[in-house]
Structure formats: C-alpha cells, structure tokens
C-alpha cells in the first residue's frame, strides 16, 4: 500500500518555495520588435556555482500516466534547473521541502499546458514527467564539473492522483 498525494494546479504562490513558474500572466514588461512582441523579462533566477555555466539541452521524455508511482526524488546542489515544454500539454511537477538531507512529504502540481518551471538550486523534485506525447522540453541547467545530482529513493512509494 502506498501513500497518496492529490495534485494541485500550479500557481506561482504555491510553487514559490521551490522555484518560479514561467507563464504569460499579466502584461508584458516591455514591448519590443516594433511593438509586435511582448517581453516577459527575467522570469527565472538561474543559480549556478562558480565551476559551472548555463547550458540549454533538449529532452525527449516518455509520457507517464496518472495515477503515478513516485519512488524517487532528486535535487541539484550545484545549480538550478528549468523545464520549458515544447508542446502545449500539461505535465506533472513534484516537489518537496528538505528534511535533514532527504525529501519531506511531496507536493504534486499539474501545469496548465502554457507554463514552464524553474527549480531553485538544491530543491527536491521528481523527474521530468510529461503526461502526453511527445514529451519535448528545453532544459536550462548547470554544465560543469562536480556531482550535481543527489537522489533519494523512498522505502514506500507515493501514489499521485488527480484531484
């Protein structure tokens, strides 16, 4: 028997302890390109140690289904990580506070299909979890030396359900 978590809609306020939600809410910060393009400026706090640099990679992840079994979470102690979907499909975002070096009780969010997310450095999170095919994402994260991945495997998995 596993523990159960209900998904919540992804909002900037609920996600703030773990990172930023990147979306098109509100008016653009400025208009560019002869007034034909609204720029939503500097939406994520990219944070890398002094031995790394920002890199952009493309990920192609297999879609998952709900209910979803969460048996592992990870974090990146040397840099933040940003997931930008390259489709308009919602995806699952799982996060947890730190509890003495391991994840506390996770929270699960569903994006609305027009949101990206940026995890703070060292924030516990689930793996990239698209819910539809194709699972295409641009990912901005730290490129450099050192171990930037810590995993925690749960003794008892969590089951993520839609609310």
N, C-alpha and C. Protein backbone atom coordinates (compact mmCIF):
# COMPACT_ATOMS: atom_id res chain seq x y z
N UNK A 1 0.85 -1.18 0.00
CA UNK A 1 0.00 0.00 0.00
C UNK A 1 0.89 1.23 0.00
N UNK A 2 0.55 2.17 -0.84
CA UNK A 2 1.37 3.36 -0.92
C UNK A 2 0.65 4.57 -0.32
N UNK A 3 1.41 5.58 -0.10
CA UNK A 3 0.87 6.84 0.39
C UNK A 3 0.33 7.64 -0.79
N UNK A 4 -0.69 8.47 -0.57
CA UNK A 4 -1.38 9.14 -1.67
C UNK A 4 -1.21 10.66 -1.56
N UNK A 5 -0.99 11.29 -2.72
CA UNK A 5 -0.91 12.74 -2.84
C UNK A 5 -1.85 13.15 -3.96
N UNK A 6 -2.67 14.17 -3.71
CA UNK A 6 -3.56 14.73 -4.74
C UNK A 6 -2.85 15.89 -5.43
N UNK A 7 -2.98 15.97 -6.75
CA UNK A 7 -2.37 17.07 -7.49
C UNK A 7 -3.11 18.37 -7.22
N UNK A 8 -2.40 19.46 -7.36
CA UNK A 8 -2.94 20.81 -7.25
C UNK A 8 -2.61 21.56 -8.53
N UNK A 9 -3.38 22.58 -8.88
CA UNK A 9 -2.99 23.43 -10.01
C UNK A 9 -1.67 24.14 -9.66
N UNK A 10 -0.83 24.34 -10.65
CA UNK A 10 0.44 25.02 -10.44
C UNK A 10 0.20 26.52 -10.40
N UNK A 11 0.52 27.15 -9.26
CA UNK A 11 0.42 28.60 -9.12
C UNK A 11 1.76 29.14 -8.66
N UNK A 12 2.09 30.38 -9.01
CA UNK A 12 3.35 30.96 -8.55
C UNK A 12 3.48 30.97 -7.03
N UNK A 13 2.41 31.26 -6.33
CA UNK A 13 2.47 31.33 -4.86
C UNK A 13 2.75 29.96 -4.25
N UNK A 14 2.05 28.93 -4.70
CA UNK A 14 2.24 27.59 -4.13
C UNK A 14 3.62 27.02 -4.47
N UNK A 15 4.16 27.40 -5.62
CA UNK A 15 5.44 26.86 -6.07
C UNK A 15 6.64 27.68 -5.59
N UNK A 16 6.42 28.87 -5.06
CA UNK A 16 7.49 29.80 -4.69
C UNK A 16 8.59 29.20 -3.81
N UNK A 17 8.30 28.34 -2.84
CA UNK A 17 9.40 27.79 -2.03
C UNK A 17 10.38 26.93 -2.84
N UNK A 18 9.97 26.47 -4.01
CA UNK A 18 10.78 25.53 -4.79
C UNK A 18 11.37 26.16 -6.05
N UNK A 19 10.82 27.30 -6.49
CA UNK A 19 11.29 27.93 -7.71
C UNK A 19 10.26 28.88 -8.29
N UNK A 20 10.36 29.12 -9.58
CA UNK A 20 9.48 30.05 -10.25
C UNK A 20 8.62 29.34 -11.29
N UNK A 21 7.40 29.86 -11.46
CA UNK A 21 6.52 29.45 -12.55
C UNK A 21 6.71 30.47 -13.67
N UNK A 22 6.98 29.99 -14.85
CA UNK A 22 7.17 30.86 -16.01
C UNK A 22 5.91 30.79 -16.85
N UNK A 23 5.21 31.92 -16.97
CA UNK A 23 3.98 31.94 -17.75
C UNK A 23 3.76 33.33 -18.32
N UNK A 24 2.64 33.52 -18.98
CA UNK A 24 2.34 34.79 -19.63
C UNK A 24 1.29 35.59 -18.86
N UNK A 25 1.21 35.42 -17.55
CA UNK A 25 0.22 36.16 -16.79
C UNK A 25 0.61 37.64 -16.70
N UNK A 26 -0.40 38.49 -16.66
CA UNK A 26 -0.17 39.93 -16.58
C UNK A 26 0.28 40.51 -17.92
N UNK A 27 0.57 41.79 -17.88
CA UNK A 27 1.04 42.48 -19.08
C UNK A 27 2.54 42.24 -19.26
N UNK A 28 3.02 42.27 -20.50
CA UNK A 28 4.46 42.16 -20.72
C UNK A 28 5.22 43.27 -20.00
N UNK A 29 6.46 43.00 -19.65
CA UNK A 29 7.30 44.01 -19.01
C UNK A 29 7.70 45.11 -19.98
N UNK A 30 7.79 44.75 -21.26
CA UNK A 30 8.14 45.73 -22.28
C UNK A 30 7.70 45.19 -23.64
N UNK A 31 7.52 46.11 -24.56
CA UNK A 31 7.23 45.74 -25.94
C UNK A 31 8.50 45.95 -26.76
N UNK A 32 8.81 44.97 -27.64
CA UNK A 32 9.99 45.03 -28.48
C UNK A 32 9.61 44.72 -29.92
N UNK A 33 10.57 44.74 -30.80
CA UNK A 33 10.35 44.41 -32.22
C UNK A 33 9.23 45.24 -32.83
N UNK A 34 9.40 46.55 -32.78
CA UNK A 34 8.44 47.50 -33.32
C UNK A 34 7.05 47.34 -32.70
N UNK A 35 7.00 46.96 -31.42
CA UNK A 35 5.74 46.82 -30.71
C UNK A 35 4.95 45.57 -31.04
N UNK A 36 5.58 44.60 -31.72
CA UNK A 36 4.88 43.39 -32.13
C UNK A 36 5.17 42.20 -31.22
N UNK A 37 6.01 42.38 -30.20
CA UNK A 37 6.39 41.27 -29.32
C UNK A 37 6.45 41.76 -27.88
N UNK A 38 5.66 41.11 -27.03
CA UNK A 38 5.71 41.43 -25.61
C UNK A 38 6.78 40.59 -24.93
N UNK A 39 7.67 41.24 -24.19
CA UNK A 39 8.74 40.53 -23.48
C UNK A 39 8.38 40.44 -22.00
N UNK A 40 8.29 39.21 -21.51
CA UNK A 40 8.11 38.92 -20.10
C UNK A 40 9.52 38.66 -19.58
N UNK A 41 10.10 39.64 -18.96
CA UNK A 41 11.54 39.73 -18.74
C UNK A 41 12.01 39.03 -17.46
N UNK A 42 13.11 38.30 -17.59
CA UNK A 42 13.87 37.74 -16.46
C UNK A 42 12.98 36.95 -15.50
N UNK A 43 12.33 35.91 -16.00
CA UNK A 43 11.32 35.17 -15.25
C UNK A 43 11.88 34.13 -14.27
N UNK A 44 13.15 33.73 -14.41
CA UNK A 44 13.69 32.68 -13.54
C UNK A 44 15.04 33.11 -12.98
N UNK A 45 15.28 32.75 -11.74
CA UNK A 45 16.55 33.02 -11.08
C UNK A 45 17.48 31.84 -11.34
N UNK A 46 18.28 31.93 -12.41
CA UNK A 46 19.24 30.87 -12.71
C UNK A 46 20.41 31.01 -11.75
N UNK A 47 20.76 29.92 -11.07
CA UNK A 47 21.74 29.96 -9.99
C UNK A 47 22.70 28.79 -10.14
N UNK A 48 23.97 29.09 -10.47
CA UNK A 48 24.98 28.06 -10.67
C UNK A 48 26.21 28.38 -9.84
N UNK A 49 26.88 27.33 -9.35
CA UNK A 49 28.12 27.58 -8.64
C UNK A 49 29.17 28.12 -9.60
N UNK A 50 30.31 28.56 -9.07
CA UNK A 50 31.31 29.22 -9.91
C UNK A 50 32.09 28.27 -10.81
N UNK A 51 31.84 26.96 -10.72
CA UNK A 51 32.52 26.00 -11.59
C UNK A 51 31.63 25.55 -12.75
N UNK A 52 30.44 26.11 -12.84
CA UNK A 52 29.52 25.70 -13.90
C UNK A 52 29.03 26.89 -14.70
N UNK A 53 28.34 26.57 -15.78
CA UNK A 53 27.75 27.58 -16.64
C UNK A 53 26.36 27.12 -17.05
N UNK A 54 25.55 28.03 -17.52
CA UNK A 54 24.22 27.68 -18.01
C UNK A 54 24.35 26.99 -19.37
N UNK A 55 23.63 25.91 -19.53
CA UNK A 55 23.57 25.20 -20.79
C UNK A 55 22.12 24.92 -21.15
N UNK A 56 21.84 24.84 -22.43
CA UNK A 56 20.49 24.51 -22.90
C UNK A 56 20.56 23.15 -23.58
N UNK A 57 19.74 22.22 -23.10
CA UNK A 57 19.66 20.88 -23.66
C UNK A 57 18.22 20.62 -24.08
N UNK A 58 18.03 19.66 -24.97
CA UNK A 58 16.69 19.22 -25.35
C UNK A 58 16.45 17.84 -24.78
N UNK A 59 15.31 17.64 -24.12
CA UNK A 59 14.94 16.35 -23.54
C UNK A 59 13.73 15.81 -24.29
N UNK A 60 13.71 14.51 -24.51
CA UNK A 60 12.56 13.82 -25.08
C UNK A 60 12.17 12.72 -24.10
N UNK A 61 11.17 13.00 -23.27
CA UNK A 61 10.78 12.11 -22.18
C UNK A 61 9.53 11.32 -22.54
N UNK A 62 9.50 10.06 -22.16
CA UNK A 62 8.32 9.23 -22.38
C UNK A 62 7.21 9.70 -21.45
N UNK A 63 5.98 9.78 -21.97
CA UNK A 63 4.87 10.22 -21.13
C UNK A 63 4.55 9.18 -20.05
N UNK A 64 4.07 9.69 -18.94
CA UNK A 64 3.62 8.86 -17.81
C UNK A 64 2.11 9.02 -17.68
N UNK A 65 1.52 8.21 -16.83
CA UNK A 65 0.08 8.27 -16.62
C UNK A 65 -0.22 8.45 -15.14
N UNK A 66 -1.37 9.06 -14.89
CA UNK A 66 -1.88 9.16 -13.53
C UNK A 66 -2.88 8.04 -13.32
N UNK A 67 -2.93 7.38 -12.19
CA UNK A 67 -2.06 7.62 -11.04
C UNK A 67 -0.60 7.28 -11.34
N UNK A 68 0.29 8.06 -10.72
CA UNK A 68 1.73 7.94 -10.94
C UNK A 68 2.39 7.48 -9.64
N UNK A 69 3.27 6.50 -9.76
CA UNK A 69 4.01 6.00 -8.60
C UNK A 69 5.32 6.77 -8.46
N UNK A 70 5.47 7.48 -7.36
CA UNK A 70 6.67 8.25 -7.07
C UNK A 70 7.54 7.44 -6.11
N UNK A 71 8.66 6.95 -6.62
CA UNK A 71 9.55 6.18 -5.75
C UNK A 71 10.90 6.85 -5.55
N UNK A 72 11.16 7.94 -6.28
CA UNK A 72 12.45 8.61 -6.18
C UNK A 72 12.30 10.10 -6.44
N UNK A 73 13.09 10.89 -5.71
CA UNK A 73 13.20 12.32 -5.98
C UNK A 73 14.68 12.66 -6.09
N UNK A 74 14.96 13.79 -6.71
CA UNK A 74 16.34 14.21 -6.90
C UNK A 74 16.46 15.70 -6.63
N UNK A 75 17.72 16.14 -6.47
CA UNK A 75 17.99 17.56 -6.37
C UNK A 75 19.37 17.82 -6.95
N UNK A 76 19.63 19.10 -7.22
CA UNK A 76 20.87 19.50 -7.87
C UNK A 76 21.55 20.56 -7.01
N UNK A 77 22.54 20.16 -6.20
CA UNK A 77 23.15 21.09 -5.25
C UNK A 77 24.02 22.16 -5.87
N UNK A 78 24.42 22.00 -7.13
CA UNK A 78 25.35 22.95 -7.74
C UNK A 78 24.68 23.92 -8.72
N UNK A 79 23.38 23.75 -8.96
CA UNK A 79 22.73 24.66 -9.89
C UNK A 79 21.24 24.44 -10.02
N UNK A 80 20.56 25.51 -10.42
CA UNK A 80 19.12 25.45 -10.66
C UNK A 80 18.84 24.68 -11.95
N UNK A 81 17.56 24.39 -12.18
CA UNK A 81 17.16 23.63 -13.37
C UNK A 81 15.80 24.14 -13.84
N UNK A 82 15.70 24.43 -15.14
CA UNK A 82 14.48 24.99 -15.73
C UNK A 82 13.95 24.05 -16.81
N UNK A 83 12.64 23.75 -16.75
CA UNK A 83 11.97 22.91 -17.74
C UNK A 83 10.99 23.76 -18.54
N UNK A 84 11.20 23.84 -19.84
CA UNK A 84 10.34 24.61 -20.73
C UNK A 84 9.73 23.64 -21.74
N UNK A 85 8.42 23.35 -21.61
CA UNK A 85 7.81 22.40 -22.54
C UNK A 85 7.80 22.95 -23.96
N UNK A 86 7.97 22.07 -24.91
CA UNK A 86 7.94 22.45 -26.33
C UNK A 86 6.66 21.94 -26.99
N UNK A 87 5.64 21.70 -26.19
CA UNK A 87 4.29 21.38 -26.63
C UNK A 87 3.35 22.13 -25.68
N UNK A 88 2.06 22.05 -25.93
CA UNK A 88 1.09 22.71 -25.05
C UNK A 88 0.36 21.71 -24.16
N UNK A 89 1.03 20.61 -23.84
CA UNK A 89 0.43 19.61 -22.97
C UNK A 89 0.80 19.87 -21.51
N UNK A 90 -0.14 19.69 -20.59
CA UNK A 90 0.20 19.78 -19.17
C UNK A 90 1.23 18.71 -18.79
N UNK A 91 2.02 18.99 -17.75
CA UNK A 91 2.93 18.00 -17.21
C UNK A 91 2.88 18.04 -15.69
N UNK A 92 3.34 16.98 -15.08
CA UNK A 92 3.31 16.82 -13.64
C UNK A 92 4.60 17.35 -13.04
N UNK A 93 4.48 18.13 -11.97
CA UNK A 93 5.63 18.68 -11.25
C UNK A 93 5.51 18.26 -9.79
N UNK A 94 6.54 17.57 -9.29
CA UNK A 94 6.53 17.07 -7.91
C UNK A 94 7.70 17.70 -7.18
N UNK A 95 7.46 18.25 -5.99
CA UNK A 95 8.48 18.92 -5.20
C UNK A 95 8.33 18.54 -3.73
N UNK A 96 9.38 18.76 -2.96
CA UNK A 96 9.32 18.53 -1.51
C UNK A 96 10.33 19.43 -0.82
N UNK A 97 9.98 19.85 0.39
CA UNK A 97 10.93 20.55 1.24
C UNK A 97 12.01 19.57 1.68
N UNK A 98 13.14 20.11 2.09
CA UNK A 98 14.24 19.29 2.61
C UNK A 98 13.99 19.00 4.09
N UNK A 99 14.26 17.76 4.49
CA UNK A 99 14.13 17.35 5.89
C UNK A 99 15.43 16.65 6.29
N UNK A 100 16.42 17.44 6.70
CA UNK A 100 17.72 16.90 7.12
C UNK A 100 18.37 16.05 6.04
N UNK A 101 18.37 16.56 4.80
CA UNK A 101 19.06 15.89 3.71
C UNK A 101 18.24 14.90 2.92
N UNK A 102 16.96 14.76 3.24
CA UNK A 102 16.06 13.90 2.47
C UNK A 102 14.76 14.67 2.21
N UNK A 103 14.00 14.28 1.18
CA UNK A 103 12.75 15.00 0.92
C UNK A 103 11.70 14.75 1.99
N UNK A 104 10.99 15.81 2.33
CA UNK A 104 9.84 15.72 3.22
C UNK A 104 8.64 15.24 2.40
N UNK A 105 7.44 15.32 2.92
CA UNK A 105 6.24 14.91 2.19
C UNK A 105 6.14 15.70 0.88
N UNK A 106 6.05 15.02 -0.26
CA UNK A 106 5.99 15.71 -1.55
C UNK A 106 4.66 16.43 -1.77
N UNK A 107 4.71 17.41 -2.65
CA UNK A 107 3.53 18.07 -3.20
C UNK A 107 3.57 17.86 -4.70
N UNK A 108 2.40 17.73 -5.32
CA UNK A 108 2.32 17.49 -6.76
C UNK A 108 1.45 18.56 -7.40
N UNK A 109 1.92 19.09 -8.53
CA UNK A 109 1.21 20.13 -9.27
C UNK A 109 1.03 19.70 -10.71
N UNK A 110 -0.06 20.15 -11.31
CA UNK A 110 -0.28 19.98 -12.75
C UNK A 110 -0.16 21.34 -13.41
N UNK A 111 0.66 21.44 -14.44
CA UNK A 111 0.74 22.68 -15.19
C UNK A 111 -0.53 22.81 -16.04
N UNK A 112 -0.74 24.00 -16.58
CA UNK A 112 -1.95 24.23 -17.37
C UNK A 112 -1.71 24.09 -18.87
N UNK A 113 -0.53 23.65 -19.27
CA UNK A 113 -0.22 23.50 -20.68
C UNK A 113 0.48 24.71 -21.28
N UNK A 114 0.53 25.81 -20.54
CA UNK A 114 1.21 27.02 -21.02
C UNK A 114 2.17 27.55 -19.96
N UNK A 115 2.66 26.66 -19.10
CA UNK A 115 3.58 27.06 -18.03
C UNK A 115 4.88 26.27 -18.14
N UNK A 116 5.96 26.93 -17.77
CA UNK A 116 7.25 26.28 -17.57
C UNK A 116 7.62 26.48 -16.11
N UNK A 117 8.63 25.75 -15.64
CA UNK A 117 9.02 25.89 -14.24
C UNK A 117 10.54 25.95 -14.15
N UNK A 118 11.00 26.60 -13.08
CA UNK A 118 12.42 26.66 -12.79
C UNK A 118 12.62 26.29 -11.33
N UNK A 119 13.31 25.19 -11.08
CA UNK A 119 13.60 24.76 -9.71
C UNK A 119 14.77 25.53 -9.15
N UNK A 120 14.67 25.96 -7.90
CA UNK A 120 15.81 26.54 -7.21
C UNK A 120 16.91 25.50 -7.08
N UNK A 121 18.13 25.97 -6.95
CA UNK A 121 19.24 25.08 -6.64
C UNK A 121 18.91 24.32 -5.35
N UNK A 122 19.15 23.01 -5.36
CA UNK A 122 19.00 22.14 -4.19
C UNK A 122 17.55 21.84 -3.82
N UNK A 123 16.59 22.17 -4.67
CA UNK A 123 15.18 21.85 -4.38
C UNK A 123 14.91 20.39 -4.75
N UNK A 124 14.31 19.64 -3.84
CA UNK A 124 13.92 18.26 -4.15
C UNK A 124 12.78 18.29 -5.16
N UNK A 125 12.89 17.44 -6.20
CA UNK A 125 11.84 17.38 -7.21
C UNK A 125 11.80 15.98 -7.83
N UNK A 126 10.64 15.68 -8.41
CA UNK A 126 10.50 14.43 -9.17
C UNK A 126 11.16 14.59 -10.53
N UNK A 127 11.27 13.48 -11.22
CA UNK A 127 11.85 13.51 -12.57
C UNK A 127 10.88 14.19 -13.54
N UNK A 128 11.38 14.54 -14.70
CA UNK A 128 10.56 15.14 -15.74
C UNK A 128 9.41 14.19 -16.08
N UNK A 129 8.17 14.67 -15.95
CA UNK A 129 7.01 13.80 -16.04
C UNK A 129 5.93 14.36 -16.97
N UNK A 130 6.16 14.25 -18.30
CA UNK A 130 5.08 14.64 -19.21
C UNK A 130 3.93 13.65 -19.11
N UNK A 131 2.74 14.13 -19.41
CA UNK A 131 1.55 13.27 -19.35
C UNK A 131 0.98 12.99 -20.74
N UNK A 132 1.62 13.52 -21.77
CA UNK A 132 1.18 13.28 -23.15
C UNK A 132 2.42 13.24 -24.05
N UNK A 133 2.25 12.64 -25.20
CA UNK A 133 3.33 12.54 -26.16
C UNK A 133 3.17 13.64 -27.21
N UNK A 134 4.23 14.24 -27.69
CA UNK A 134 5.62 13.97 -27.35
C UNK A 134 6.04 14.77 -26.11
N UNK A 135 6.92 14.20 -25.32
CA UNK A 135 7.42 14.84 -24.11
C UNK A 135 8.66 15.67 -24.41
N UNK A 136 8.49 16.72 -25.20
CA UNK A 136 9.63 17.55 -25.62
C UNK A 136 9.80 18.75 -24.69
N UNK A 137 11.03 18.93 -24.23
CA UNK A 137 11.33 20.04 -23.32
C UNK A 137 12.69 20.63 -23.66
N UNK A 138 12.80 21.94 -23.55
CA UNK A 138 14.10 22.60 -23.49
C UNK A 138 14.44 22.71 -22.00
N UNK A 139 15.66 22.37 -21.65
CA UNK A 139 16.07 22.38 -20.26
C UNK A 139 17.32 23.26 -20.13
N UNK A 140 17.24 24.20 -19.20
CA UNK A 140 18.38 25.05 -18.88
C UNK A 140 18.89 24.60 -17.52
N UNK A 141 20.13 24.13 -17.49
CA UNK A 141 20.71 23.73 -16.22
C UNK A 141 22.22 23.89 -16.24
N UNK A 142 22.85 23.50 -15.17
CA UNK A 142 24.28 23.69 -14.98
C UNK A 142 25.07 22.67 -15.77
N UNK A 143 26.05 23.17 -16.52
CA UNK A 143 27.00 22.32 -17.22
C UNK A 143 28.35 22.58 -16.56
N UNK A 144 29.01 21.55 -16.08
CA UNK A 144 30.31 21.74 -15.44
C UNK A 144 30.73 20.52 -14.66
N UNK A 145 31.85 20.62 -14.00
CA UNK A 145 32.40 19.52 -13.22
C UNK A 145 31.72 19.43 -11.86
N UNK A 146 31.91 18.31 -11.20
CA UNK A 146 31.33 18.09 -9.87
C UNK A 146 30.03 17.32 -9.96
N UNK A 147 29.62 16.77 -8.84
CA UNK A 147 28.40 15.97 -8.78
C UNK A 147 27.21 16.86 -8.49
N UNK A 148 26.40 17.10 -9.52
CA UNK A 148 25.23 17.97 -9.38
C UNK A 148 23.94 17.17 -9.31
N UNK A 149 24.00 15.94 -8.85
CA UNK A 149 22.80 15.11 -8.74
C UNK A 149 22.83 14.33 -7.43
N UNK A 150 21.78 14.49 -6.65
CA UNK A 150 21.57 13.68 -5.46
C UNK A 150 20.19 13.05 -5.57
N UNK A 151 20.10 11.74 -5.42
CA UNK A 151 18.83 11.02 -5.50
C UNK A 151 18.44 10.49 -4.13
N UNK A 152 17.12 10.43 -3.89
CA UNK A 152 16.59 9.77 -2.70
C UNK A 152 15.50 8.80 -3.13
N UNK A 153 15.66 7.54 -2.77
CA UNK A 153 14.68 6.50 -3.07
C UNK A 153 13.84 6.27 -1.83
N UNK A 154 12.52 6.34 -1.97
CA UNK A 154 11.61 6.14 -0.85
C UNK A 154 11.50 4.65 -0.51
N UNK A 155 11.44 4.34 0.78
CA UNK A 155 11.20 2.96 1.21
C UNK A 155 9.79 2.53 0.81
N UNK A 156 8.86 3.46 0.89
CA UNK A 156 7.47 3.21 0.49
C UNK A 156 7.08 4.28 -0.53
N UNK A 157 6.64 3.89 -1.74
CA UNK A 157 6.34 4.91 -2.76
C UNK A 157 5.10 5.73 -2.42
N UNK A 158 5.00 6.85 -3.10
CA UNK A 158 3.81 7.70 -3.05
C UNK A 158 3.01 7.48 -4.33
N UNK A 159 1.69 7.55 -4.24
CA UNK A 159 0.83 7.50 -5.41
C UNK A 159 0.26 8.89 -5.64
N UNK A 160 0.47 9.41 -6.84
CA UNK A 160 -0.01 10.74 -7.21
C UNK A 160 -1.32 10.56 -7.99
N UNK A 161 -2.39 11.20 -7.51
CA UNK A 161 -3.70 11.15 -8.14
C UNK A 161 -4.13 12.55 -8.55
N UNK A 162 -4.95 12.65 -9.60
CA UNK A 162 -5.53 13.94 -9.93
C UNK A 162 -6.63 14.25 -8.94
N UNK A 163 -6.73 15.53 -8.61
CA UNK A 163 -7.78 15.94 -7.64
C UNK A 163 -9.08 16.24 -8.33
